[in-house]
C-alpha atoms as a PDB file:
ATOM      1  CA  MET A   1       0.000   0.000   0.000  1.00  0.00           C
ATOM      2  CA  ASN A   2       2.676   2.505   0.984  1.00  0.00           C
ATOM      3  CA  ASN A   3       4.785   1.734  -2.083  1.00  0.00           C
ATOM      4  CA  GLU A   4       1.799   2.323  -4.359  1.00  0.00           C
ATOM      5  CA  ARG A   5       0.890   5.513  -2.491  1.00  0.00           C
ATOM      6  CA  ASN A   6       4.472   6.769  -2.654  1.00  0.00           C
ATOM      7  CA  ALA A   7       4.613   6.072  -6.391  1.00  0.00           C
ATOM      8  CA  LYS A   8       1.368   8.037  -6.906  1.00  0.00           C
ATOM      9  CA  ILE A   9       2.715  10.914  -4.826  1.00  0.00           C
ATOM     10  CA  VAL A  10       5.956  11.016  -6.820  1.00  0.00           C
ATOM     11  CA  ARG A  11       4.089  10.928 -10.152  1.00  0.00           C
ATOM     12  CA  CYS A  12       1.758  13.739  -9.104  1.00  0.00           C
ATOM     13  CA  TRP A  13       4.576  15.813  -7.617  1.00  0.00           C
ATOM     14  CA  ASN A  14       6.752  15.458 -10.724  1.00  0.00           C
ATOM     15  CA  SER A  15       3.799  16.512 -12.882  1.00  0.00           C
ATOM     16  CA  GLY A  16       3.702  19.855 -11.061  1.00  0.00           C
ATOM     17  CA  LEU A  17       0.855  19.554  -8.557  1.00  0.00           C
ATOM     18  CA  SER A  18       1.072  21.322  -5.197  1.00  0.00           C
ATOM     19  CA  THR A  19       1.193  19.441  -1.894  1.00  0.00           C
ATOM     20  CA  GLY A  20      -2.496  20.094  -1.273  1.00  0.00           C
ATOM     21  CA  GLU A  21      -3.498  18.946  -4.746  1.00  0.00           C
ATOM     22  CA  VAL A  22      -1.397  15.797  -4.432  1.00  0.00           C
ATOM     23  CA  ALA A  23      -2.895  15.055  -1.003  1.00  0.00           C
ATOM     24  CA  ARG A  24      -6.463  15.405  -2.297  1.00  0.00           C
ATOM     25  CA  HIS A  25      -5.703  13.276  -5.354  1.00  0.00           C
ATOM     26  CA  VAL A  26      -4.011  10.483  -3.395  1.00  0.00           C
ATOM     27  CA  GLY A  27      -6.287  10.701  -0.335  1.00  0.00           C
ATOM     28  CA  CYS A  28      -3.766  11.497   2.388  1.00  0.00           C
ATOM     29  CA  THR A  29      -2.609  14.529   4.368  1.00  0.00           C
ATOM     30  CA  ARG A  30      -0.217  17.234   3.177  1.00  0.00           C
ATOM     31  CA  ASN A  31       2.254  16.133   5.854  1.00  0.00           C
ATOM     32  CA  VAL A  32       2.418  12.666   4.296  1.00  0.00           C
ATOM     33  CA  VAL A  33       3.098  14.251   0.899  1.00  0.00           C
ATOM     34  CA  VAL A  34       5.873  16.479   2.282  1.00  0.00           C
ATOM     35  CA  ALA A  35       7.524  13.578   4.117  1.00  0.00           C
ATOM     36  CA  THR A  36       7.333  11.318   1.063  1.00  0.00           C
ATOM     37  CA  VAL A  37       8.704  13.995  -1.269  1.00  0.00           C
ATOM     38  CA  SER A  38      11.584  14.696   1.117  1.00  0.00           C
ATOM     39  CA  LYS A  39      12.461  11.018   1.399  1.00  0.00           C
ATOM     40  CA  GLN A  40      12.149  10.355  -2.334  1.00  0.00           C
ATOM     41  CA  ARG A  41      14.267  13.446  -3.093  1.00  0.00           C
ATOM     42  CA  GLU A  42      17.062  11.921  -0.991  1.00  0.00           C
ATOM     43  CA  LEU A  43      16.701   8.684  -2.968  1.00  0.00           C
ATOM     44  CA  GLY A  44      16.809  10.537  -6.303  1.00  0.00           C
ATOM     45  CA  GLU A  45      13.239   9.747  -7.374  1.00  0.00           C
ATOM     46  CA  ILE A  46      12.102  13.384  -7.564  1.00  0.00           C
ATOM     47  CA  THR A  47      12.829  15.265 -10.785  1.00  0.00           C
ATOM     48  CA  ARG A  48      10.952  18.473 -10.004  1.00  0.00           C
ATOM     49  CA  PRO A  49      12.982  21.239  -8.344  1.00  0.00           C
ATOM     50  CA  MET A  50      12.112  22.464  -4.866  1.00  0.00           C
ATOM     51  CA  VAL A  51       9.273  24.989  -4.851  1.00  0.00           C
ATOM     52  CA  HIS A  52       9.878  28.266  -3.063  1.00  0.00           C
ATOM     53  CA  SER A  53       7.253  29.698  -0.749  1.00  0.00           C
ATOM     54  CA  TYR A  54       5.522  32.930  -1.709  1.00  0.00           C
ATOM     55  CA  SER A  55       7.534  34.853   0.886  1.00  0.00           C
ATOM     56  CA  GLU A  56      10.794  33.581  -0.593  1.00  0.00           C
ATOM     57  CA  LYS A  57       9.581  34.488  -4.077  1.00  0.00           C
ATOM     58  CA  GLY A  58       8.852  37.999  -2.834  1.00  0.00           C
ATOM     59  CA  ARG A  59      12.334  38.367  -1.396  1.00  0.00           C
ATOM     60  CA  LEU A  60      13.988  36.955  -4.499  1.00  0.00           C
ATOM     61  CA  GLY A  61      11.869  39.038  -6.870  1.00  0.00           C
ATOM     62  CA  MET A  62      11.807  38.406 -10.607  1.00  0.00           C
ATOM     63  CA  ALA A  63      14.487  35.720 -10.426  1.00  0.00           C
ATOM     64  CA  ALA A  64      12.230  33.300  -8.542  1.00  0.00           C
ATOM     65  CA  ARG A  65       8.978  34.265 -10.203  1.00  0.00           C
ATOM     66  CA  PHE A  66      10.069  33.984 -13.805  1.00  0.00           C
ATOM     67  CA  GLY A  67      13.385  32.151 -13.679  1.00  0.00           C
ATOM     68  CA  ILE A  68      15.314  35.258 -14.689  1.00  0.00           C
ATOM     69  CA  LYS A  69      18.931  35.143 -13.635  1.00  0.00           C
ATOM     70  CA  ARG A  70      20.244  38.248 -11.956  1.00  0.00           C
ATOM     71  CA  LYS A  71      23.245  40.048 -13.350  1.00  0.00           C
ATOM     72  CA  ARG A  72      26.253  39.844 -11.094  1.00  0.00           C
ATOM     73  CA  LYS A  73      28.283  42.964 -10.480  1.00  0.00           C
END
């Protein structure tokens, strides 16, 4: 059961769904999704990059929002 659930979570996460969307789709809590993603990232199963929170995006500005690299001085 857990292996099947973890595989579903990884598939959904790699397709770009948020933790809440993955949890609703799989039928578990967001905490289970976060724990599974963290563990699978360590094992190399996760291909999607880490998602920044909205507060981090605000601090990082355009670089985080649109993937624009900042010019270095």
